[in-house]
Amino acid sequence: MADVSPPNSSTPPGDDKPIIPLEPLAPGEAPSPARKESILKLVDDKCPNCGAKMESDAIVCMACGYDMKANQVLTSRTGIDEVEPAPVAAERPEFVKPGGRPLVYAIAGVCVLCGAMVAAAMNAPKPDIGVRAALALLVLYHAILHTGTGVAAIWLAARYVEQRLTHLELAASRIFLALACFLLVASIRIPIEHPFLESLVRFPLAIGVYFLAIFALFRRNRQETLLFLLFHAGAAMFVELGVRLAVWLEAIVAVKPGS
């Protein structure tokens, strides 16, 4: 019987399983028993961006920040957090619309007021110089006093309609001019024999002139103009009530007991 030699094989004796290399072999290189490893041992992955080692279940490379799922490099920002500003509310409109110069309105008001003072002095109930001067000064006093109450009234009206109150000098000069027109009409005597009827015609006419002057100078609608007039009338009556009360109290104190 011929001697048969075993076939030439790269498999080492006593090991029937082939060697499965876990790393690529060079061209012409045969697998070596020293390179045989367990198939259960996983080799760390490499970052496709920088080549750094990554865990098999890692998603982001800790070396360069490459995101495996997003397929992009994540960048970090340091510093103050950026917060979007809150939406700016619409700015409220101005109650006193600009237009004209306060000095011009003031000069016009002084001229009309001088006419009102002259009319009050000329129409005095007694032809006495002291009475005439007192009436003229009273017109001036009312003009200054109720210009202040008019500014307070326009502030109340602006707050009521939720608008901004700006251009105070312009508002005061316009009120002063309108009030001078009111005092001029109120100081003129209408030729009516009965004093009560004369006053009943004169004062509503003066109020109408004041309404038209405010309407033309401030260029507000009729409702807002009427609202301002109501506030002004209330403020004026409040001040006048205080003055009347002070005079009444002074008169009571001045009366001696038993006189």
C-alpha atoms as a PDB file:
ATOM      1  CA  MET A   1       0.000   0.000   0.000  1.00  0.00           C
ATOM      2  CA  ALA A   2       1.492   3.285  -1.035  1.00  0.00           C
ATOM      3  CA  ASP A   3       2.386   5.851   1.564  1.00  0.00           C
ATOM      4  CA  VAL A   4      -0.031   8.769   1.215  1.00  0.00           C
ATOM      5  CA  SER A   5       1.095  12.057   2.683  1.00  0.00           C
ATOM      6  CA  PRO A   6      -1.492  14.477   4.082  1.00  0.00           C
ATOM      7  CA  PRO A   7      -2.487  17.312   1.815  1.00  0.00           C
ATOM      8  CA  ASN A   8      -0.601  20.560   2.108  1.00  0.00           C
ATOM      9  CA  SER A   9      -2.839  22.996   4.095  1.00  0.00           C
ATOM     10  CA  SER A  10      -2.284  26.266   5.836  1.00  0.00           C
ATOM     11  CA  THR A  11      -4.461  25.113   8.684  1.00  0.00           C
ATOM     12  CA  PRO A  12      -2.308  24.105  11.673  1.00  0.00           C
ATOM     13  CA  PRO A  13      -2.573  20.474  12.826  1.00  0.00           C
ATOM     14  CA  GLY A  14      -5.289  19.850  15.390  1.00  0.00           C
ATOM     15  CA  ASP A  15      -7.337  22.884  14.358  1.00  0.00           C
ATOM     16  CA  ASP A  16     -10.039  22.321  11.819  1.00  0.00           C
ATOM     17  CA  LYS A  17     -11.473  25.910  12.018  1.00  0.00           C
ATOM     18  CA  PRO A  18     -10.178  28.503   9.583  1.00  0.00           C
ATOM     19  CA  ILE A  19      -8.555  31.674  10.859  1.00  0.00           C
ATOM     20  CA  ILE A  20     -10.806  34.704  10.346  1.00  0.00           C
ATOM     21  CA  PRO A  21      -8.688  37.843  10.384  1.00  0.00           C
ATOM     22  CA  LEU A  22     -10.323  40.874  12.035  1.00  0.00           C
ATOM     23  CA  GLU A  23      -8.007  43.302  10.264  1.00  0.00           C
ATOM     24  CA  PRO A  24      -7.370  43.499   6.518  1.00  0.00           C
ATOM     25  CA  LEU A  25      -4.357  41.534   5.273  1.00  0.00           C
ATOM     26  CA  ALA A  26      -1.666  42.923   3.085  1.00  0.00           C
ATOM     27  CA  PRO A  27      -1.529  41.594  -0.496  1.00  0.00           C
ATOM     28  CA  GLY A  28      -0.022  38.069  -0.418  1.00  0.00           C
ATOM     29  CA  GLU A  29      -0.051  37.892   3.375  1.00  0.00           C
ATOM     30  CA  ALA A  30      -1.348  34.651   4.865  1.00  0.00           C
ATOM     31  CA  PRO A  31      -3.278  34.644   8.090  1.00  0.00           C
ATOM     32  CA  SER A  32      -1.090  33.953  11.098  1.00  0.00           C
ATOM     33  CA  PRO A  33      -2.151  31.950  14.146  1.00  0.00           C
ATOM     34  CA  ALA A  34      -0.824  34.786  16.328  1.00  0.00           C
ATOM     35  CA  ARG A  35      -3.445  37.109  14.862  1.00  0.00           C
ATOM     36  CA  LYS A  36      -6.313  34.853  15.622  1.00  0.00           C
ATOM     37  CA  GLU A  37      -8.750  36.610  17.969  1.00  0.00           C
ATOM     38  CA  SER A  38     -12.188  35.971  19.305  1.00  0.00           C
ATOM     39  CA  ILE A  39     -14.972  37.178  17.026  1.00  0.00           C
ATOM     40  CA  LEU A  40     -16.866  38.437  20.106  1.00  0.00           C
ATOM     41  CA  LYS A  41     -14.295  41.113  20.899  1.00  0.00           C
ATOM     42  CA  LEU A  42     -15.305  44.346  19.127  1.00  0.00           C
ATOM     43  CA  VAL A  43     -12.749  46.812  17.914  1.00  0.00           C
ATOM     44  CA  ASP A  44     -13.392  50.521  18.678  1.00  0.00           C
ATOM     45  CA  ASP A  45     -14.796  52.499  15.785  1.00  0.00           C
ATOM     46  CA  LYS A  46     -13.020  55.458  14.327  1.00  0.00           C
ATOM     47  CA  CYS A  47     -14.438  58.923  13.714  1.00  0.00           C
ATOM     48  CA  PRO A  48     -14.945  59.368   9.978  1.00  0.00           C
ATOM     49  CA  ASN A  49     -14.040  63.036  10.357  1.00  0.00           C
ATOM     50  CA  CYS A  50     -10.831  63.073  12.407  1.00  0.00           C
ATOM     51  CA  GLY A  51      -9.972  59.368  12.807  1.00  0.00           C
ATOM     52  CA  ALA A  52     -10.084  59.426  16.590  1.00  0.00           C
ATOM     53  CA  LYS A  53     -11.276  56.318  18.392  1.00  0.00           C
ATOM     54  CA  MET A  54     -14.951  56.131  19.285  1.00  0.00           C
ATOM     55  CA  GLU A  55     -16.963  53.695  21.310  1.00  0.00           C
ATOM     56  CA  SER A  56     -19.135  51.353  19.301  1.00  0.00           C
ATOM     57  CA  ASP A  57     -22.312  52.952  20.702  1.00  0.00           C
ATOM     58  CA  ALA A  58     -21.052  56.520  20.599  1.00  0.00           C
ATOM     59  CA  ILE A  59     -22.942  59.064  18.534  1.00  0.00           C
ATOM     60  CA  VAL A  60     -20.762  62.163  18.852  1.00  0.00           C
ATOM     61  CA  CYS A  61     -16.997  62.232  18.569  1.00  0.00           C
ATOM     62  CA  MET A  62     -15.514  63.748  21.700  1.00  0.00           C
ATOM     63  CA  ALA A  63     -12.414  64.881  19.794  1.00  0.00           C
ATOM     64  CA  CYS A  64     -13.898  66.942  16.981  1.00  0.00           C
ATOM     65  CA  GLY A  65     -17.619  66.999  17.760  1.00  0.00           C
ATOM     66  CA  TYR A  66     -18.720  65.069  14.702  1.00  0.00           C
ATOM     67  CA  ASP A  67     -22.355  63.885  14.974  1.00  0.00           C
ATOM     68  CA  MET A  68     -22.879  60.467  13.416  1.00  0.00           C
ATOM     69  CA  LYS A  69     -26.627  60.895  13.035  1.00  0.00           C
ATOM     70  CA  ALA A  70     -26.659  64.493  11.818  1.00  0.00           C
ATOM     71  CA  ASN A  71     -23.573  63.894   9.652  1.00  0.00           C
ATOM     72  CA  GLN A  72     -22.060  67.215  10.653  1.00  0.00           C
ATOM     73  CA  VAL A  73     -19.623  68.686  13.125  1.00  0.00           C
ATOM     74  CA  LEU A  74     -21.275  70.285  16.134  1.00  0.00           C
ATOM     75  CA  THR A  75     -19.896  73.636  17.221  1.00  0.00           C
ATOM     76  CA  SER A  76     -20.223  75.048  20.718  1.00  0.00           C
ATOM     77  CA  ARG A  77     -20.640  78.712  21.594  1.00  0.00           C
ATOM     78  CA  THR A  78     -19.524  80.312  24.815  1.00  0.00           C
ATOM     79  CA  GLY A  79     -20.450  83.637  26.321  1.00  0.00           C
ATOM     80  CA  ILE A  80     -23.728  85.339  27.119  1.00  0.00           C
ATOM     81  CA  ASP A  81     -26.834  83.509  26.080  1.00  0.00           C
ATOM     82  CA  GLU A  82     -28.616  85.181  23.234  1.00  0.00           C
ATOM     83  CA  VAL A  83     -32.175  86.054  24.179  1.00  0.00           C
ATOM     84  CA  GLU A  84     -34.534  87.391  21.593  1.00  0.00           C
ATOM     85  CA  PRO A  85     -35.820  90.813  22.613  1.00  0.00           C
ATOM     86  CA  ALA A  86     -39.436  91.013  23.577  1.00  0.00           C
ATOM     87  CA  PRO A  87     -41.645  92.516  20.924  1.00  0.00           C
ATOM     88  CA  VAL A  88     -41.891  96.260  21.346  1.00  0.00           C
ATOM     89  CA  ALA A  89     -45.422  97.418  21.899  1.00  0.00           C
ATOM     90  CA  ALA A  90     -46.777  99.941  19.489  1.00  0.00           C
ATOM     91  CA  GLU A  91     -46.026 103.441  20.687  1.00  0.00           C
ATOM     92  CA  ARG A  92     -49.064 105.345  21.842  1.00  0.00           C
ATOM     93  CA  PRO A  93     -50.054 108.357  19.753  1.00  0.00           C
ATOM     94  CA  GLU A  94     -49.638 111.893  21.014  1.00  0.00           C
ATOM     95  CA  PHE A  95     -52.686 113.702  22.324  1.00  0.00           C
ATOM     96  CA  VAL A  96     -51.233 117.138  21.549  1.00  0.00           C
ATOM     97  CA  LYS A  97     -50.433 117.107  17.862  1.00  0.00           C
ATOM     98  CA  PRO A  98     -47.418 119.241  16.889  1.00  0.00           C
ATOM     99  CA  GLY A  99     -47.966 122.343  14.811  1.00  0.00           C
ATOM    100  CA  GLY A 100     -47.256 126.014  15.304  1.00  0.00           C
ATOM    101  CA  ARG A 101     -44.981 127.700  17.804  1.00  0.00           C
ATOM    102  CA  PRO A 102     -45.946 128.207  21.458  1.00  0.00           C
ATOM    103  CA  LEU A 103     -44.653 131.798  21.406  1.00  0.00           C
ATOM    104  CA  VAL A 104     -46.947 132.716  18.516  1.00  0.00           C
ATOM    105  CA  TYR A 105     -49.983 131.278  20.294  1.00  0.00           C
ATOM    106  CA  ALA A 106     -48.984 133.044  23.516  1.00  0.00           C
ATOM    107  CA  ILE A 107     -48.621 136.448  21.814  1.00  0.00           C
ATOM    108  CA  ALA A 108     -51.984 136.009  20.098  1.00  0.00           C
ATOM    109  CA  GLY A 109     -53.523 135.057  23.446  1.00  0.00           C
ATOM    110  CA  VAL A 110     -52.069 138.170  25.133  1.00  0.00           C
ATOM    111  CA  CYS A 111     -53.575 140.388  22.439  1.00  0.00           C
ATOM    112  CA  VAL A 112     -57.014 138.809  22.781  1.00  0.00           C
ATOM    113  CA  LEU A 113     -56.742 138.921  26.572  1.00  0.00           C
ATOM    114  CA  CYS A 114     -55.975 142.646  26.501  1.00  0.00           C
ATOM    115  CA  GLY A 115     -59.175 143.131  24.538  1.00  0.00           C
ATOM    116  CA  ALA A 116     -61.073 141.080  27.127  1.00  0.00           C
ATOM    117  CA  MET A 117     -59.646 143.186  29.968  1.00  0.00           C
ATOM    118  CA  VAL A 118     -60.633 146.410  28.226  1.00  0.00           C
ATOM    119  CA  ALA A 119     -64.142 145.069  27.527  1.00  0.00           C
ATOM    120  CA  ALA A 120     -64.570 144.048  31.168  1.00  0.00           C
ATOM    121  CA  ALA A 121     -63.426 147.458  32.381  1.00  0.00           C
ATOM    122  CA  MET A 122     -65.680 149.325  29.975  1.00  0.00           C
ATOM    123  CA  ASN A 123     -68.730 147.242  30.877  1.00  0.00           C
ATOM    124  CA  ALA A 124     -68.319 147.639  34.634  1.00  0.00           C
ATOM    125  CA  PRO A 125     -71.588 147.975  36.542  1.00  0.00           C
ATOM    126  CA  LYS A 126     -70.266 151.154  38.184  1.00  0.00           C
ATOM    127  CA  PRO A 127     -68.258 153.873  36.430  1.00  0.00           C
ATOM    128  CA  ASP A 128     -65.597 153.796  39.108  1.00  0.00           C
ATOM    129  CA  ILE A 129     -61.924 153.539  38.223  1.00  0.00           C
ATOM    130  CA  GLY A 130     -61.270 151.111  41.047  1.00  0.00           C
ATOM    131  CA  VAL A 131     -64.076 148.812  39.960  1.00  0.00           C
ATOM    132  CA  ARG A 132     -62.923 148.935  36.332  1.00  0.00           C
ATOM    133  CA  ALA A 133     -59.342 148.083  37.298  1.00  0.00           C
ATOM    134  CA  ALA A 134     -60.521 145.271  39.569  1.00  0.00           C
ATOM    135  CA  LEU A 135     -62.606 143.747  36.780  1.00  0.00           C
ATOM    136  CA  ALA A 136     -59.683 143.959  34.350  1.00  0.00           C
ATOM    137  CA  LEU A 137     -57.361 142.274  36.862  1.00  0.00           C
ATOM    138  CA  LEU A 138     -60.000 139.634  37.554  1.00  0.00           C
ATOM    139  CA  VAL A 139     -60.023 138.742  33.844  1.00  0.00           C
ATOM    140  CA  LEU A 140     -56.232 138.413  33.932  1.00  0.00           C
ATOM    141  CA  TYR A 141     -56.455 136.278  37.070  1.00  0.00           C
ATOM    142  CA  HIS A 142     -58.988 133.929  35.486  1.00  0.00           C
ATOM    143  CA  ALA A 143     -56.839 133.610  32.363  1.00  0.00           C
ATOM    144  CA  ILE A 144     -53.761 132.550  34.326  1.00  0.00           C
ATOM    145  CA  LEU A 145     -55.634 130.348  36.791  1.00  0.00           C
ATOM    146  CA  HIS A 146     -57.721 128.451  34.275  1.00  0.00           C
ATOM    147  CA  THR A 147     -54.854 127.988  31.883  1.00  0.00           C
ATOM    148  CA  GLY A 148     -53.434 125.826  34.658  1.00  0.00           C
ATOM    149  CA  THR A 149     -56.716 123.979  35.119  1.00  0.00           C
ATOM    150  CA  GLY A 150     -56.816 123.504  31.349  1.00  0.00           C
ATOM    151  CA  VAL A 151     -53.392 121.832  31.407  1.00  0.00           C
ATOM    152  CA  ALA A 152     -54.648 119.535  34.165  1.00  0.00           C
ATOM    153  CA  ALA A 153     -57.765 118.794  32.116  1.00  0.00           C
ATOM    154  CA  ILE A 154     -55.784 117.936  29.000  1.00  0.00           C
ATOM    155  CA  TRP A 155     -53.646 115.584  31.083  1.00  0.00           C
ATOM    156  CA  LEU A 156     -56.780 113.847  32.323  1.00  0.00           C
ATOM    157  CA  ALA A 157     -58.174 113.614  28.796  1.00  0.00           C
ATOM    158  CA  ALA A 158     -54.930 112.123  27.468  1.00  0.00           C
ATOM    159  CA  ARG A 159     -54.900 109.539  30.251  1.00  0.00           C
ATOM    160  CA  TYR A 160     -58.541 108.705  29.609  1.00  0.00           C
ATOM    161  CA  VAL A 161     -57.975 107.950  25.908  1.00  0.00           C
ATOM    162  CA  GLU A 162     -54.612 106.255  26.705  1.00  0.00           C
ATOM    163  CA  GLN A 163     -52.432 108.604  24.694  1.00  0.00           C
ATOM    164  CA  ARG A 164     -49.163 110.325  25.465  1.00  0.00           C
ATOM    165  CA  LEU A 165     -49.122 113.920  26.677  1.00  0.00           C
ATOM    166  CA  THR A 166     -46.193 115.724  25.082  1.00  0.00           C
ATOM    167  CA  HIS A 167     -45.505 119.318  24.033  1.00  0.00           C
ATOM    168  CA  LEU A 168     -46.787 120.818  27.285  1.00  0.00           C
ATOM    169  CA  GLU A 169     -45.700 124.342  26.338  1.00  0.00           C
ATOM    170  CA  LEU A 170     -47.602 124.054  23.069  1.00  0.00           C
ATOM    171  CA  ALA A 171     -50.677 122.726  24.871  1.00  0.00           C
ATOM    172  CA  ALA A 172     -50.575 125.524  27.486  1.00  0.00           C
ATOM    173  CA  SER A 173     -50.225 128.253  24.840  1.00  0.00           C
ATOM    174  CA  ARG A 174     -53.162 126.883  22.858  1.00  0.00           C
ATOM    175  CA  ILE A 175     -55.330 126.670  25.978  1.00  0.00           C
ATOM    176  CA  PHE A 176     -54.340 130.226  26.892  1.00  0.00           C
ATOM    177  CA  LEU A 177     -55.406 131.517  23.467  1.00  0.00           C
ATOM    178  CA  ALA A 178     -58.717 129.628  23.554  1.00  0.00           C
ATOM    179  CA  LEU A 179     -59.395 130.831  27.090  1.00  0.00           C
ATOM    180  CA  ALA A 180     -58.660 134.435  26.093  1.00  0.00           C
ATOM    181  CA  CYS A 181     -61.288 134.108  23.342  1.00  0.00           C
ATOM    182  CA  PHE A 182     -63.742 132.795  25.928  1.00  0.00           C
ATOM    183  CA  LEU A 183     -63.039 135.708  28.310  1.00  0.00           C
ATOM    184  CA  LEU A 184     -63.372 138.237  25.505  1.00  0.00           C
ATOM    185  CA  VAL A 185     -66.856 137.012  24.579  1.00  0.00           C
ATOM    186  CA  ALA A 186     -67.819 136.677  28.262  1.00  0.00           C
ATOM    187  CA  SER A 187     -66.738 140.289  28.957  1.00  0.00           C
ATOM    188  CA  ILE A 188     -68.799 141.840  26.160  1.00  0.00           C
ATOM    189  CA  ARG A 189     -72.255 143.023  27.159  1.00  0.00           C
ATOM    190  CA  ILE A 190     -75.046 141.954  24.852  1.00  0.00           C
ATOM    191  CA  PRO A 191     -77.745 144.635  24.451  1.00  0.00           C
ATOM    192  CA  ILE A 192     -80.498 142.830  26.323  1.00  0.00           C
ATOM    193  CA  GLU A 193     -82.378 144.749  29.000  1.00  0.00           C
ATOM    194  CA  HIS A 194     -82.880 141.886  31.409  1.00  0.00           C
ATOM    195  CA  PRO A 195     -79.534 140.996  33.096  1.00  0.00           C
ATOM    196  CA  PHE A 196     -80.437 137.340  33.597  1.00  0.00           C
ATOM    197  CA  LEU A 197     -81.400 136.845  29.958  1.00  0.00           C
ATOM    198  CA  GLU A 198     -78.270 138.705  28.897  1.00  0.00           C
ATOM    199  CA  SER A 199     -76.098 136.343  30.940  1.00  0.00           C
ATOM    200  CA  LEU A 200     -78.081 133.369  29.668  1.00  0.00           C
ATOM    201  CA  VAL A 201     -77.123 134.295  26.117  1.00  0.00           C
ATOM    202  CA  ARG A 202     -73.600 135.563  26.703  1.00  0.00           C
ATOM    203  CA  PHE A 203     -72.073 132.650  28.615  1.00  0.00           C
ATOM    204  CA  PRO A 204     -73.319 129.840  26.318  1.00  0.00           C
ATOM    205  CA  LEU A 205     -72.002 131.892  23.410  1.00  0.00           C
ATOM    206  CA  ALA A 206     -68.620 132.199  25.138  1.00  0.00           C
ATOM    207  CA  ILE A 207     -68.556 128.449  25.807  1.00  0.00           C
ATOM    208  CA  GLY A 208     -69.329 127.779  22.147  1.00  0.00           C
ATOM    209  CA  VAL A 209     -66.454 130.028  21.066  1.00  0.00           C
ATOM    210  CA  TYR A 210     -64.146 128.227  23.495  1.00  0.00           C
ATOM    211  CA  PHE A 211     -65.234 124.839  22.102  1.00  0.00           C
ATOM    212  CA  LEU A 212     -64.557 125.938  18.527  1.00  0.00           C
ATOM    213  CA  ALA A 213     -61.167 127.385  19.500  1.00  0.00           C
ATOM    214  CA  ILE A 214     -60.092 124.167  21.242  1.00  0.00           C
ATOM    215  CA  PHE A 215     -61.415 122.086  18.346  1.00  0.00           C
ATOM    216  CA  ALA A 216     -59.440 124.146  15.824  1.00  0.00           C
ATOM    217  CA  LEU A 217     -56.217 124.446  17.833  1.00  0.00           C
ATOM    218  CA  PHE A 218     -55.878 120.830  19.001  1.00  0.00           C
ATOM    219  CA  ARG A 219     -57.429 119.182  15.932  1.00  0.00           C
ATOM    220  CA  ARG A 220     -59.140 116.424  17.921  1.00  0.00           C
ATOM    221  CA  ASN A 221     -62.518 114.939  17.088  1.00  0.00           C
ATOM    222  CA  ARG A 222     -65.688 116.291  18.648  1.00  0.00           C
ATOM    223  CA  GLN A 223     -65.940 113.568  21.293  1.00  0.00           C
ATOM    224  CA  GLU A 224     -62.365 114.136  22.511  1.00  0.00           C
ATOM    225  CA  THR A 225     -62.835 117.906  22.445  1.00  0.00           C
ATOM    226  CA  LEU A 226     -66.038 117.614  24.457  1.00  0.00           C
ATOM    227  CA  LEU A 227     -64.250 115.275  26.888  1.00  0.00           C
ATOM    228  CA  PHE A 228     -61.526 117.867  27.412  1.00  0.00           C
ATOM    229  CA  LEU A 229     -64.127 120.591  27.992  1.00  0.00           C
ATOM    230  CA  LEU A 230     -65.890 118.469  30.611  1.00  0.00           C
ATOM    231  CA  PHE A 231     -62.616 117.853  32.451  1.00  0.00           C
ATOM    232  CA  HIS A 232     -61.727 121.546  32.215  1.00  0.00           C
ATOM    233  CA  ALA A 233     -65.131 122.626  33.486  1.00  0.00           C
ATOM    234  CA  GLY A 234     -64.838 120.203  36.402  1.00  0.00           C
ATOM    235  CA  ALA A 235     -61.341 121.413  37.334  1.00  0.00           C
ATOM    236  CA  ALA A 236     -62.400 125.076  37.050  1.00  0.00           C
ATOM    237  CA  MET A 237     -65.486 124.547  39.194  1.00  0.00           C
ATOM    238  CA  PHE A 238     -63.395 122.721  41.803  1.00  0.00           C
ATOM    239  CA  VAL A 239     -60.986 125.664  42.073  1.00  0.00           C
ATOM    240  CA  GLU A 240     -63.766 128.243  42.070  1.00  0.00           C
ATOM    241  CA  LEU A 241     -65.580 126.312  44.768  1.00  0.00           C
ATOM    242  CA  GLY A 242     -62.497 126.470  46.938  1.00  0.00           C
ATOM    243  CA  VAL A 243     -62.169 130.211  46.408  1.00  0.00           C
ATOM    244  CA  ARG A 244     -65.854 130.818  47.196  1.00  0.00           C
ATOM    245  CA  LEU A 245     -65.606 128.674  50.303  1.00  0.00           C
ATOM    246  CA  ALA A 246     -62.572 130.606  51.522  1.00  0.00           C
ATOM    247  CA  VAL A 247     -64.380 133.931  51.006  1.00  0.00           C
ATOM    248  CA  TRP A 248     -67.486 132.645  52.770  1.00  0.00           C
ATOM    249  CA  LEU A 249     -65.474 131.423  55.759  1.00  0.00           C
ATOM    250  CA  GLU A 250     -63.614 134.713  55.967  1.00  0.00           C
ATOM    251  CA  ALA A 251     -66.902 136.598  55.979  1.00  0.00           C
ATOM    252  CA  ILE A 252     -68.262 134.427  58.773  1.00  0.00           C
ATOM    253  CA  VAL A 253     -65.153 134.853  60.896  1.00  0.00           C
ATOM    254  CA  ALA A 254     -65.160 138.615  60.327  1.00  0.00           C
ATOM    255  CA  VAL A 255     -68.690 138.937  61.726  1.00  0.00           C
ATOM    256  CA  LYS A 256     -68.491 139.728  65.427  1.00  0.00           C
ATOM    257  CA  PRO A 257     -70.772 137.848  67.822  1.00  0.00           C
ATOM    258  CA  GLY A 258     -73.837 139.886  68.798  1.00  0.00           C
ATOM    259  CA  SER A 259     -73.384 142.454  66.026  1.00  0.00           C
END
